[in-house]
């Protein structure tokens, strides 16, 4: 039962040179220099006319449809729909395990 063959000096030097090339950090990868994005979690005003008019144009309202239309997060869209239902702007239609469906009140 033999053991692994020892590398020659030239092979050892090449291996060390390759390791040193790989270990050089890239300047763009440093986490301190990256820009941090702030989360846009500002809840739109459910009483604003722009939002109300856009929502009345839609036949059915789901959190995903509202989030994609107003470019907001899904959780913010769910909160917005809850507030609008409480204010009487939209009406609850149906619910499944993961999804609530609303329609605008005429």
PDB file of N, CA and C in Angstrom:
ATOM      1  N   UNK A   1       0.817  -1.160   0.000  1.00  0.00           N
ATOM      2  CA  UNK A   1       0.000   0.000   0.000  1.00  0.00           C
ATOM      3  C   UNK A   1       0.875   1.241   0.000  1.00  0.00           C
ATOM      4  N   UNK A   2       0.762   1.902  -1.082  1.00  0.00           N
ATOM      5  CA  UNK A   2       1.624   3.056  -1.246  1.00  0.00           C
ATOM      6  C   UNK A   2       0.936   4.348  -0.845  1.00  0.00           C
ATOM      7  N   UNK A   3       1.733   5.326  -0.645  1.00  0.00           N
ATOM      8  CA  UNK A   3       1.195   6.646  -0.319  1.00  0.00           C
ATOM      9  C   UNK A   3       1.303   7.544  -1.540  1.00  0.00           C
ATOM     10  N   UNK A   4       0.784   8.735  -1.413  1.00  0.00           N
ATOM     11  CA  UNK A   4       0.790   9.671  -2.514  1.00  0.00           C
ATOM     12  C   UNK A   4       2.220  10.113  -2.824  1.00  0.00           C
ATOM     13  N   UNK A   5       2.529  10.234  -4.102  1.00  0.00           N
ATOM     14  CA  UNK A   5       3.867  10.631  -4.532  1.00  0.00           C
ATOM     15  C   UNK A   5       4.117  12.094  -4.173  1.00  0.00           C
ATOM     16  N   UNK A   6       5.294  12.377  -3.715  1.00  0.00           N
ATOM     17  CA  UNK A   6       5.651  13.755  -3.382  1.00  0.00           C
ATOM     18  C   UNK A   6       5.823  14.560  -4.656  1.00  0.00           C
ATOM     19  N   UNK A   7       5.408  15.848  -4.564  1.00  0.00           N
ATOM     20  CA  UNK A   7       5.559  16.719  -5.721  1.00  0.00           C
ATOM     21  C   UNK A   7       6.990  17.225  -5.803  1.00  0.00           C
ATOM     22  N   UNK A   8       7.398  17.508  -7.027  1.00  0.00           N
ATOM     23  CA  UNK A   8       8.729  18.078  -7.214  1.00  0.00           C
ATOM     24  C   UNK A   8       8.696  19.548  -6.808  1.00  0.00           C
ATOM     25  N   UNK A   9       9.847  20.153  -6.693  1.00  0.00           N
ATOM     26  CA  UNK A   9       9.927  21.552  -6.298  1.00  0.00           C
ATOM     27  C   UNK A   9       9.219  22.459  -7.300  1.00  0.00           C
ATOM     28  N   UNK A  10       9.386  22.174  -8.567  1.00  0.00           N
ATOM     29  CA  UNK A  10       8.754  22.989  -9.615  1.00  0.00           C
ATOM     30  C   UNK A  10       7.233  22.906  -9.507  1.00  0.00           C
ATOM     31  N   UNK A  11       6.683  21.711  -9.275  1.00  0.00           N
ATOM     32  CA  UNK A  11       5.244  21.543  -9.129  1.00  0.00           C
ATOM     33  C   UNK A  11       4.721  22.284  -7.902  1.00  0.00           C
ATOM     34  N   UNK A  12       5.463  22.231  -6.810  1.00  0.00           N
ATOM     35  CA  UNK A  12       5.076  22.930  -5.588  1.00  0.00           C
ATOM     36  C   UNK A  12       5.051  24.439  -5.804  1.00  0.00           C
ATOM     37  N   UNK A  13       6.046  24.969  -6.511  1.00  0.00           N
ATOM     38  CA  UNK A  13       6.090  26.404  -6.800  1.00  0.00           C
ATOM     39  C   UNK A  13       4.908  26.828  -7.655  1.00  0.00           C
ATOM     40  N   UNK A  14       4.557  26.052  -8.656  1.00  0.00           N
ATOM     41  CA  UNK A  14       3.406  26.366  -9.518  1.00  0.00           C
ATOM     42  C   UNK A  14       2.101  26.369  -8.716  1.00  0.00           C
ATOM     43  N   UNK A  15       1.944  25.395  -7.847  1.00  0.00           N
ATOM     44  CA  UNK A  15       0.734  25.290  -7.035  1.00  0.00           C
ATOM     45  C   UNK A  15       0.596  26.508  -6.118  1.00  0.00           C
ATOM     46  N   UNK A  16       1.688  26.931  -5.499  1.00  0.00           N
ATOM     47  CA  UNK A  16       1.653  28.103  -4.627  1.00  0.00           C
ATOM     48  C   UNK A  16       1.360  29.369  -5.421  1.00  0.00           C
ATOM     49  N   UNK A  17       1.894  29.471  -6.641  1.00  0.00           N
ATOM     50  CA  UNK A  17       1.641  30.640  -7.484  1.00  0.00           C
ATOM     51  C   UNK A  17       0.165  30.716  -7.862  1.00  0.00           C
ATOM     52  N   UNK A  18      -0.438  29.570  -8.184  1.00  0.00           N
ATOM     53  CA  UNK A  18      -1.865  29.538  -8.521  1.00  0.00           C
ATOM     54  C   UNK A  18      -2.726  29.944  -7.330  1.00  0.00           C
ATOM     55  N   UNK A  19      -2.374  29.469  -6.136  1.00  0.00           N
ATOM     56  CA  UNK A  19      -3.134  29.816  -4.933  1.00  0.00           C
ATOM     57  C   UNK A  19      -3.058  31.308  -4.641  1.00  0.00           C
ATOM     58  N   UNK A  20      -1.881  31.902  -4.811  1.00  0.00           N
ATOM     59  CA  UNK A  20      -1.733  33.331  -4.532  1.00  0.00           C
ATOM     60  C   UNK A  20      -2.506  34.175  -5.542  1.00  0.00           C
ATOM     61  N   UNK A  21      -2.620  33.707  -6.789  1.00  0.00           N
ATOM     62  CA  UNK A  21      -3.403  34.424  -7.793  1.00  0.00           C
ATOM     63  C   UNK A  21      -4.891  34.391  -7.458  1.00  0.00           C
ATOM     64  N   UNK A  22      -5.370  33.279  -6.958  1.00  0.00           N
ATOM     65  CA  UNK A  22      -6.787  33.131  -6.633  1.00  0.00           C
ATOM     66  C   UNK A  22      -7.185  33.926  -5.390  1.00  0.00           C
ATOM     67  N   UNK A  23      -6.270  34.110  -4.461  1.00  0.00           N
ATOM     68  CA  UNK A  23      -6.593  34.743  -3.195  1.00  0.00           C
ATOM     69  C   UNK A  23      -6.669  36.261  -3.265  1.00  0.00           C
ATOM     70  N   UNK A  24      -6.222  36.884  -4.372  1.00  0.00           N
ATOM     71  CA  UNK A  24      -6.270  38.333  -4.473  1.00  0.00           C
ATOM     72  C   UNK A  24      -7.724  38.788  -4.507  1.00  0.00           C
ATOM     73  N   UNK A  25      -8.151  39.634  -3.559  1.00  0.00           N
ATOM     74  CA  UNK A  25      -9.545  40.068  -3.528  1.00  0.00           C
ATOM     75  C   UNK A  25      -9.834  41.077  -4.637  1.00  0.00           C
ATOM     76  N   UNK A  26     -11.015  40.976  -5.176  1.00  0.00           N
ATOM     77  CA  UNK A  26     -11.441  41.921  -6.199  1.00  0.00           C
ATOM     78  C   UNK A  26     -11.988  43.162  -5.507  1.00  0.00           C
ATOM     79  N   UNK A  27     -11.710  44.345  -6.011  1.00  0.00           N
ATOM     80  CA  UNK A  27     -12.175  45.560  -5.341  1.00  0.00           C
ATOM     81  C   UNK A  27     -13.692  45.728  -5.374  1.00  0.00           C
ATOM     82  N   UNK A  28     -14.375  45.163  -6.360  1.00  0.00           N
ATOM     83  CA  UNK A  28     -15.825  45.329  -6.448  1.00  0.00           C
ATOM     84  C   UNK A  28     -16.575  44.394  -5.503  1.00  0.00           C
ATOM     85  N   UNK A  29     -15.915  43.368  -4.972  1.00  0.00           N
ATOM     86  CA  UNK A  29     -16.576  42.396  -4.116  1.00  0.00           C
ATOM     87  C   UNK A  29     -16.586  42.779  -2.643  1.00  0.00           C
ATOM     88  N   UNK A  30     -15.897  43.828  -2.275  1.00  0.00           N
ATOM     89  CA  UNK A  30     -15.844  44.176  -0.857  1.00  0.00           C
ATOM     90  C   UNK A  30     -17.213  44.670  -0.392  1.00  0.00           C
ATOM     91  N   UNK A  31     -17.732  44.134   0.709  1.00  0.00           N
ATOM     92  CA  UNK A  31     -19.071  44.493   1.150  1.00  0.00           C
ATOM     93  C   UNK A  31     -19.188  45.932   1.641  1.00  0.00           C
ATOM     94  N   UNK A  32     -18.091  46.532   2.072  1.00  0.00           N
ATOM     95  CA  UNK A  32     -18.174  47.896   2.588  1.00  0.00           C
ATOM     96  C   UNK A  32     -18.393  48.906   1.470  1.00  0.00           C
ATOM     97  N   UNK A  33     -17.997  48.576   0.248  1.00  0.00           N
ATOM     98  CA  UNK A  33     -18.127  49.513  -0.858  1.00  0.00           C
ATOM     99  C   UNK A  33     -19.432  49.353  -1.620  1.00  0.00           C
ATOM    100  N   UNK A  34     -20.181  48.307  -1.348  1.00  0.00           N
ATOM    101  CA  UNK A  34     -21.462  48.098  -2.027  1.00  0.00           C
ATOM    102  C   UNK A  34     -22.486  49.088  -1.511  1.00  0.00           C
ATOM    103  N   UNK A  35     -23.358  49.515  -2.408  1.00  0.00           N
ATOM    104  CA  UNK A  35     -24.430  50.411  -2.000  1.00  0.00           C
ATOM    105  C   UNK A  35     -25.581  49.584  -1.452  1.00  0.00           C
ATOM    106  N   UNK A  36     -26.123  50.025  -0.363  1.00  0.00           N
ATOM    107  CA  UNK A  36     -27.256  49.323   0.228  1.00  0.00           C
ATOM    108  C   UNK A  36     -28.538  49.973  -0.256  1.00  0.00           C
ATOM    109  N   UNK A  37     -29.467  49.132  -0.676  1.00  0.00           N
ATOM    110  CA  UNK A  37     -30.756  49.632  -1.120  1.00  0.00           C
ATOM    111  C   UNK A  37     -31.694  49.722   0.079  1.00  0.00           C
ATOM    112  N   UNK A  38     -32.438  50.775   0.131  1.00  0.00           N
ATOM    113  CA  UNK A  38     -33.438  50.892   1.185  1.00  0.00           C
ATOM    114  C   UNK A  38     -34.733  50.281   0.685  1.00  0.00           C
ATOM    115  N   UNK A  39     -35.413  49.622   1.559  1.00  0.00           N
ATOM    116  CA  UNK A  39     -36.660  48.961   1.190  1.00  0.00           C
ATOM    117  C   UNK A  39     -37.770  49.996   1.074  1.00  0.00           C
ATOM    118  N   UNK A  40     -38.474  49.981  -0.045  1.00  0.00           N
ATOM    119  CA  UNK A  40     -39.578  50.914  -0.258  1.00  0.00           C
ATOM    120  C   UNK A  40     -40.849  50.354   0.342  1.00  0.00           C
ATOM    121  N   UNK A  41     -41.044  50.561   1.628  1.00  0.00           N
ATOM    122  CA  UNK A  41     -42.194  50.005   2.315  1.00  0.00           C
ATOM    123  C   UNK A  41     -43.171  51.110   2.689  1.00  0.00           C
ATOM    124  N   UNK A  42     -43.156  52.200   1.980  1.00  0.00           N
ATOM    125  CA  UNK A  42     -44.071  53.295   2.269  1.00  0.00           C
ATOM    126  C   UNK A  42     -45.453  52.906   1.753  1.00  0.00           C
ATOM    127  N   UNK A  43     -46.415  52.902   2.628  1.00  0.00           N
ATOM    128  CA  UNK A  43     -47.766  52.509   2.273  1.00  0.00           C
ATOM    129  C   UNK A  43     -48.448  53.644   1.526  1.00  0.00           C
ATOM    130  N   UNK A  44     -48.937  53.387   0.305  1.00  0.00           N
ATOM    131  CA  UNK A  44     -49.632  54.438  -0.428  1.00  0.00           C
ATOM    132  C   UNK A  44     -50.928  54.817   0.274  1.00  0.00           C
ATOM    133  N   UNK A  45     -51.338  56.048   0.100  1.00  0.00           N
ATOM    134  CA  UNK A  45     -52.559  56.538   0.721  1.00  0.00           C
ATOM    135  C   UNK A  45     -53.765  55.938   0.009  1.00  0.00           C
ATOM    136  N   UNK A  46     -54.603  55.166   0.704  1.00  0.00           N
ATOM    137  CA  UNK A  46     -55.740  54.527   0.034  1.00  0.00           C
ATOM    138  C   UNK A  46     -56.821  55.512  -0.395  1.00  0.00           C
ATOM    139  N   UNK A  47     -56.784  56.727   0.112  1.00  0.00           N
ATOM    140  CA  UNK A  47     -57.786  57.728  -0.252  1.00  0.00           C
ATOM    141  C   UNK A  47     -57.362  58.597  -1.437  1.00  0.00           C
ATOM    142  N   UNK A  48     -56.135  58.436  -1.934  1.00  0.00           N
ATOM    143  CA  UNK A  48     -55.706  59.281  -3.045  1.00  0.00           C
ATOM    144  C   UNK A  48     -56.491  58.921  -4.299  1.00  0.00           C
ATOM    145  N   UNK A  49     -56.792  59.931  -5.090  1.00  0.00           N
ATOM    146  CA  UNK A  49     -57.634  59.729  -6.272  1.00  0.00           C
ATOM    147  C   UNK A  49     -56.932  58.897  -7.338  1.00  0.00           C
ATOM    148  N   UNK A  50     -55.624  59.028  -7.443  1.00  0.00           N
ATOM    149  CA  UNK A  50     -54.878  58.268  -8.451  1.00  0.00           C
ATOM    150  C   UNK A  50     -55.020  56.771  -8.204  1.00  0.00           C
ATOM    151  N   UNK A  51     -54.821  56.362  -6.965  1.00  0.00           N
ATOM    152  CA  UNK A  51     -54.914  54.938  -6.624  1.00  0.00           C
ATOM    153  C   UNK A  51     -56.353  54.455  -6.749  1.00  0.00           C
ATOM    154  N   UNK A  52     -57.299  55.263  -6.282  1.00  0.00           N
ATOM    155  CA  UNK A  52     -58.710  54.875  -6.349  1.00  0.00           C
ATOM    156  C   UNK A  52     -59.168  54.711  -7.798  1.00  0.00           C
ATOM    157  N   UNK A  53     -58.776  55.617  -8.673  1.00  0.00           N
ATOM    158  CA  UNK A  53     -59.166  55.519 -10.080  1.00  0.00           C
ATOM    159  C   UNK A  53     -58.544  54.301 -10.748  1.00  0.00           C
ATOM    160  N   UNK A  54     -57.296  54.020 -10.449  1.00  0.00           N
ATOM    161  CA  UNK A  54     -56.637  52.852 -11.028  1.00  0.00           C
ATOM    162  C   UNK A  54     -57.305  51.561 -10.559  1.00  0.00           C
ATOM    163  N   UNK A  55     -57.671  51.523  -9.299  1.00  0.00           N
ATOM    164  CA  UNK A  55     -58.275  50.308  -8.750  1.00  0.00           C
ATOM    165  C   UNK A  55     -59.688  50.100  -9.293  1.00  0.00           C
ATOM    166  N   UNK A  56     -60.418  51.167  -9.514  1.00  0.00           N
ATOM    167  CA  UNK A  56     -61.773  51.030 -10.061  1.00  0.00           C
ATOM    168  C   UNK A  56     -61.761  50.538 -11.499  1.00  0.00           C
ATOM    169  N   UNK A  57     -60.667  50.720 -12.210  1.00  0.00           N
ATOM    170  CA  UNK A  57     -60.559  50.231 -13.583  1.00  0.00           C
ATOM    171  C   UNK A  57     -60.362  48.723 -13.633  1.00  0.00           C
ATOM    172  N   UNK A  58     -59.816  48.145 -12.558  1.00  0.00           N
ATOM    173  CA  UNK A  58     -59.531  46.712 -12.530  1.00  0.00           C
ATOM    174  C   UNK A  58     -60.799  45.931 -12.208  1.00  0.00           C
ATOM    175  N   UNK A  59     -60.985  44.789 -12.871  1.00  0.00           N
ATOM    176  CA  UNK A  59     -62.171  43.966 -12.619  1.00  0.00           C
ATOM    177  C   UNK A  59     -62.052  43.218 -11.304  1.00  0.00           C
ATOM    178  N   UNK A  60     -60.947  42.544 -11.121  1.00  0.00           N
ATOM    179  CA  UNK A  60     -60.703  41.829  -9.871  1.00  0.00           C
ATOM    180  C   UNK A  60     -59.402  42.327  -9.273  1.00  0.00           C
ATOM    181  N   UNK A  61     -59.351  42.327  -7.967  1.00  0.00           N
ATOM    182  CA  UNK A  61     -58.175  42.807  -7.254  1.00  0.00           C
ATOM    183  C   UNK A  61     -57.585  41.668  -6.441  1.00  0.00           C
ATOM    184  N   UNK A  62     -56.341  41.379  -6.696  1.00  0.00           N
ATOM    185  CA  UNK A  62     -55.583  40.433  -5.886  1.00  0.00           C
ATOM    186  C   UNK A  62     -54.335  41.166  -5.402  1.00  0.00           C
ATOM    187  N   UNK A  63     -53.734  40.718  -4.328  1.00  0.00           N
ATOM    188  CA  UNK A  63     -52.514  41.380  -3.855  1.00  0.00           C
ATOM    189  C   UNK A  63     -51.412  41.421  -4.913  1.00  0.00           C
ATOM    190  N   UNK A  64     -51.284  40.373  -5.710  1.00  0.00           N
ATOM    191  CA  UNK A  64     -50.243  40.355  -6.736  1.00  0.00           C
ATOM    192  C   UNK A  64     -50.525  41.389  -7.824  1.00  0.00           C
ATOM    193  N   UNK A  65     -51.787  41.515  -8.230  1.00  0.00           N
ATOM    194  CA  UNK A  65     -52.134  42.482  -9.270  1.00  0.00           C
ATOM    195  C   UNK A  65     -51.872  43.911  -8.802  1.00  0.00           C
ATOM    196  N   UNK A  66     -52.217  44.196  -7.557  1.00  0.00           N
ATOM    197  CA  UNK A  66     -51.998  45.538  -7.012  1.00  0.00           C
ATOM    198  C   UNK A  66     -50.503  45.816  -6.850  1.00  0.00           C
ATOM    199  N   UNK A  67     -49.760  44.828  -6.371  1.00  0.00           N
ATOM    200  CA  UNK A  67     -48.322  45.000  -6.175  1.00  0.00           C
ATOM    201  C   UNK A  67     -47.612  45.253  -7.503  1.00  0.00           C
ATOM    202  N   UNK A  68     -48.001  44.547  -8.533  1.00  0.00           N
ATOM    203  CA  UNK A  68     -47.351  44.742  -9.832  1.00  0.00           C
ATOM    204  C   UNK A  68     -47.789  46.052 -10.474  1.00  0.00           C
ATOM    205  N   UNK A  69     -49.025  46.477 -10.273  1.00  0.00           N
ATOM    206  CA  UNK A  69     -49.509  47.723 -10.869  1.00  0.00           C
ATOM    207  C   UNK A  69     -48.860  48.948 -10.254  1.00  0.00           C
ATOM    208  N   UNK A  70     -48.705  48.965  -8.922  1.00  0.00           N
ATOM    209  CA  UNK A  70     -48.168  50.128  -8.227  1.00  0.00           C
ATOM    210  C   UNK A  70     -46.694  49.981  -7.852  1.00  0.00           C
ATOM    211  N   UNK A  71     -46.077  48.879  -8.240  1.00  0.00           N
ATOM    212  CA  UNK A  71     -44.651  48.639  -8.005  1.00  0.00           C
ATOM    213  C   UNK A  71     -44.317  48.702  -6.507  1.00  0.00           C
ATOM    214  N   UNK A  72     -45.069  47.937  -5.723  1.00  0.00           N
ATOM    215  CA  UNK A  72     -44.849  47.857  -4.280  1.00  0.00           C
ATOM    216  C   UNK A  72     -44.701  46.396  -3.897  1.00  0.00           C
ATOM    217  N   UNK A  73     -44.308  46.158  -2.660  1.00  0.00           N
ATOM    218  CA  UNK A  73     -44.156  44.781  -2.176  1.00  0.00           C
ATOM    219  C   UNK A  73     -45.521  44.133  -1.979  1.00  0.00           C
ATOM    220  N   UNK A  74     -45.513  42.812  -1.980  1.00  0.00           N
ATOM    221  CA  UNK A  74     -46.739  42.047  -1.835  1.00  0.00           C
ATOM    222  C   UNK A  74     -47.371  42.263  -0.470  1.00  0.00           C
ATOM    223  N   UNK A  75     -46.572  42.322   0.574  1.00  0.00           N
ATOM    224  CA  UNK A  75     -47.114  42.543   1.914  1.00  0.00           C
ATOM    225  C   UNK A  75     -47.752  43.932   2.031  1.00  0.00           C
ATOM    226  N   UNK A  76     -47.167  44.918   1.373  1.00  0.00           N
ATOM    227  CA  UNK A  76     -47.727  46.267   1.387  1.00  0.00           C
ATOM    228  C   UNK A  76     -49.045  46.286   0.617  1.00  0.00           C
ATOM    229  N   UNK A  77     -49.111  45.542  -0.483  1.00  0.00           N
ATOM    230  CA  UNK A  77     -50.346  45.472  -1.267  1.00  0.00           C
ATOM    231  C   UNK A  77     -51.469  44.820  -0.460  1.00  0.00           C
ATOM    232  N   UNK A  78     -51.136  43.803   0.325  1.00  0.00           N
ATOM    233  CA  UNK A  78     -52.147  43.157   1.168  1.00  0.00           C
ATOM    234  C   UNK A  78     -52.685  44.134   2.204  1.00  0.00           C
ATOM    235  N   UNK A  79     -51.795  44.905   2.827  1.00  0.00           N
ATOM    236  CA  UNK A  79     -52.220  45.899   3.808  1.00  0.00           C
ATOM    237  C   UNK A  79     -53.078  46.977   3.161  1.00  0.00           C
ATOM    238  N   UNK A  80     -52.709  47.399   1.958  1.00  0.00           N
ATOM    239  CA  UNK A  80     -53.464  48.413   1.238  1.00  0.00           C
ATOM    240  C   UNK A  80     -54.876  47.923   0.938  1.00  0.00           C
ATOM    241  N   UNK A  81     -54.991  46.666   0.503  1.00  0.00           N
ATOM    242  CA  UNK A  81     -56.314  46.118   0.209  1.00  0.00           C
ATOM    243  C   UNK A  81     -57.172  46.004   1.472  1.00  0.00           C
ATOM    244  N   UNK A  82     -56.571  45.652   2.602  1.00  0.00           N
ATOM    245  CA  UNK A  82     -57.313  45.590   3.863  1.00  0.00           C
ATOM    246  C   UNK A  82     -57.844  46.962   4.246  1.00  0.00           C
ATOM    247  N   UNK A  83     -57.001  47.979   4.110  1.00  0.00           N
ATOM    248  CA  UNK A  83     -57.423  49.338   4.455  1.00  0.00           C
ATOM    249  C   UNK A  83     -58.535  49.817   3.537  1.00  0.00           C
ATOM    250  N   UNK A  84     -58.416  49.507   2.260  1.00  0.00           N
ATOM    251  CA  UNK A  84     -59.437  49.944   1.305  1.00  0.00           C
ATOM    252  C   UNK A  84     -60.757  49.223   1.538  1.00  0.00           C
ATOM    253  N   UNK A  85     -60.693  47.992   1.998  1.00  0.00           N
ATOM    254  CA  UNK A  85     -61.928  47.275   2.322  1.00  0.00           C
ATOM    255  C   UNK A  85     -62.590  47.904   3.538  1.00  0.00           C
ATOM    256  N   UNK A  86     -61.817  48.279   4.536  1.00  0.00           N
ATOM    257  CA  UNK A  86     -62.373  48.915   5.725  1.00  0.00           C
ATOM    258  C   UNK A  86     -62.981  50.273   5.407  1.00  0.00           C
ATOM    259  N   UNK A  87     -62.401  50.995   4.449  1.00  0.00           N
ATOM    260  CA  UNK A  87     -62.909  52.312   4.062  1.00  0.00           C
ATOM    261  C   UNK A  87     -64.131  52.204   3.151  1.00  0.00           C
ATOM    262  N   UNK A  88     -64.366  51.027   2.570  1.00  0.00           N
ATOM    263  CA  UNK A  88     -65.531  50.835   1.713  1.00  0.00           C
ATOM    264  C   UNK A  88     -65.268  51.096   0.244  1.00  0.00           C
ATOM    265  N   UNK A  89     -64.017  51.166  -0.158  1.00  0.00           N
ATOM    266  CA  UNK A  89     -63.672  51.422  -1.555  1.00  0.00           C
ATOM    267  C   UNK A  89     -63.767  50.143  -2.377  1.00  0.00           C
ATOM    268  N   UNK A  90     -63.401  49.019  -1.776  1.00  0.00           N
ATOM    269  CA  UNK A  90     -63.473  47.728  -2.451  1.00  0.00           C
ATOM    270  C   UNK A  90     -64.300  46.762  -1.618  1.00  0.00           C
ATOM    271  N   UNK A  91     -64.701  45.670  -2.254  1.00  0.00           N
ATOM    272  CA  UNK A  91     -65.555  44.684  -1.596  1.00  0.00           C
ATOM    273  C   UNK A  91     -64.904  43.310  -1.666  1.00  0.00           C
ATOM    274  N   UNK A  92     -64.944  42.590  -0.559  1.00  0.00           N
ATOM    275  CA  UNK A  92     -64.376  41.239  -0.481  1.00  0.00           C
ATOM    276  C   UNK A  92     -65.281  40.278  -1.240  1.00  0.00           C
ATOM    277  N   UNK A  93     -64.683  39.408  -2.066  1.00  0.00           N
ATOM    278  CA  UNK A  93     -65.458  38.464  -2.867  1.00  0.00           C
ATOM    279  C   UNK A  93     -65.235  37.037  -2.405  1.00  0.00           C
ATOM    280  N   UNK A  94     -63.978  36.594  -2.413  1.00  0.00           N
ATOM    281  CA  UNK A  94     -63.687  35.195  -2.134  1.00  0.00           C
ATOM    282  C   UNK A  94     -62.316  35.077  -1.499  1.00  0.00           C
ATOM    283  N   UNK A  95     -62.124  33.920  -0.882  1.00  0.00           N
ATOM    284  CA  UNK A  95     -60.847  33.670  -0.243  1.00  0.00           C
ATOM    285  C   UNK A  95     -60.499  32.202  -0.376  1.00  0.00           C
ATOM    286  N   UNK A  96     -59.230  31.951  -0.659  1.00  0.00           N
ATOM    287  CA  UNK A  96     -58.722  30.597  -0.600  1.00  0.00           C
ATOM    288  C   UNK A  96     -57.681  30.578   0.507  1.00  0.00           C
ATOM    289  N   UNK A  97     -56.925  29.534   0.561  1.00  0.00           N
ATOM    290  CA  UNK A  97     -55.939  29.409   1.623  1.00  0.00           C
ATOM    291  C   UNK A  97     -54.895  30.529   1.571  1.00  0.00           C
ATOM    292  N   UNK A  98     -54.460  30.889   0.367  1.00  0.00           N
ATOM    293  CA  UNK A  98     -53.375  31.850   0.216  1.00  0.00           C
ATOM    294  C   UNK A  98     -53.775  33.156  -0.456  1.00  0.00           C
ATOM    295  N   UNK A  99     -54.990  33.265  -0.960  1.00  0.00           N
ATOM    296  CA  UNK A  99     -55.341  34.378  -1.826  1.00  0.00           C
ATOM    297  C   UNK A  99     -56.689  34.959  -1.464  1.00  0.00           C
ATOM    298  N   UNK A 100     -56.763  36.291  -1.422  1.00  0.00           N
ATOM    299  CA  UNK A 100     -58.031  36.987  -1.246  1.00  0.00           C
ATOM    300  C   UNK A 100     -58.342  37.736  -2.525  1.00  0.00           C
ATOM    301  N   UNK A 101     -59.600  37.715  -2.916  1.00  0.00           N
ATOM    302  CA  UNK A 101     -60.016  38.384  -4.137  1.00  0.00           C
ATOM    303  C   UNK A 101     -61.029  39.461  -3.775  1.00  0.00           C
ATOM    304  N   UNK A 102     -60.839  40.635  -4.354  1.00  0.00           N
ATOM    305  CA  UNK A 102     -61.703  41.781  -4.097  1.00  0.00           C
ATOM    306  C   UNK A 102     -62.208  42.319  -5.424  1.00  0.00           C
ATOM    307  N   UNK A 103     -63.290  43.098  -5.379  1.00  0.00           N
ATOM    308  CA  UNK A 103     -63.764  43.847  -6.528  1.00  0.00           C
ATOM    309  C   UNK A 103     -64.027  45.280  -6.096  1.00  0.00           C
ATOM    310  N   UNK A 104     -63.897  46.230  -7.008  1.00  0.00           N
ATOM    311  CA  UNK A 104     -64.187  47.622  -6.645  1.00  0.00           C
ATOM    312  C   UNK A 104     -65.687  47.842  -6.480  1.00  0.00           C
ATOM    313  N   UNK A 105     -66.045  48.728  -5.562  1.00  0.00           N
ATOM    314  CA  UNK A 105     -67.448  49.061  -5.330  1.00  0.00           C
ATOM    315  C   UNK A 105     -67.828  50.162  -6.315  1.00  0.00           C
ATOM    316  N   UNK A 106     -68.960  49.988  -6.984  1.00  0.00           N
ATOM    317  CA  UNK A 106     -69.402  51.005  -7.948  1.00  0.00           C
ATOM    318  C   UNK A 106     -70.141  52.135  -7.290  1.00  0.00           C
TER     319      UNK A 106
END
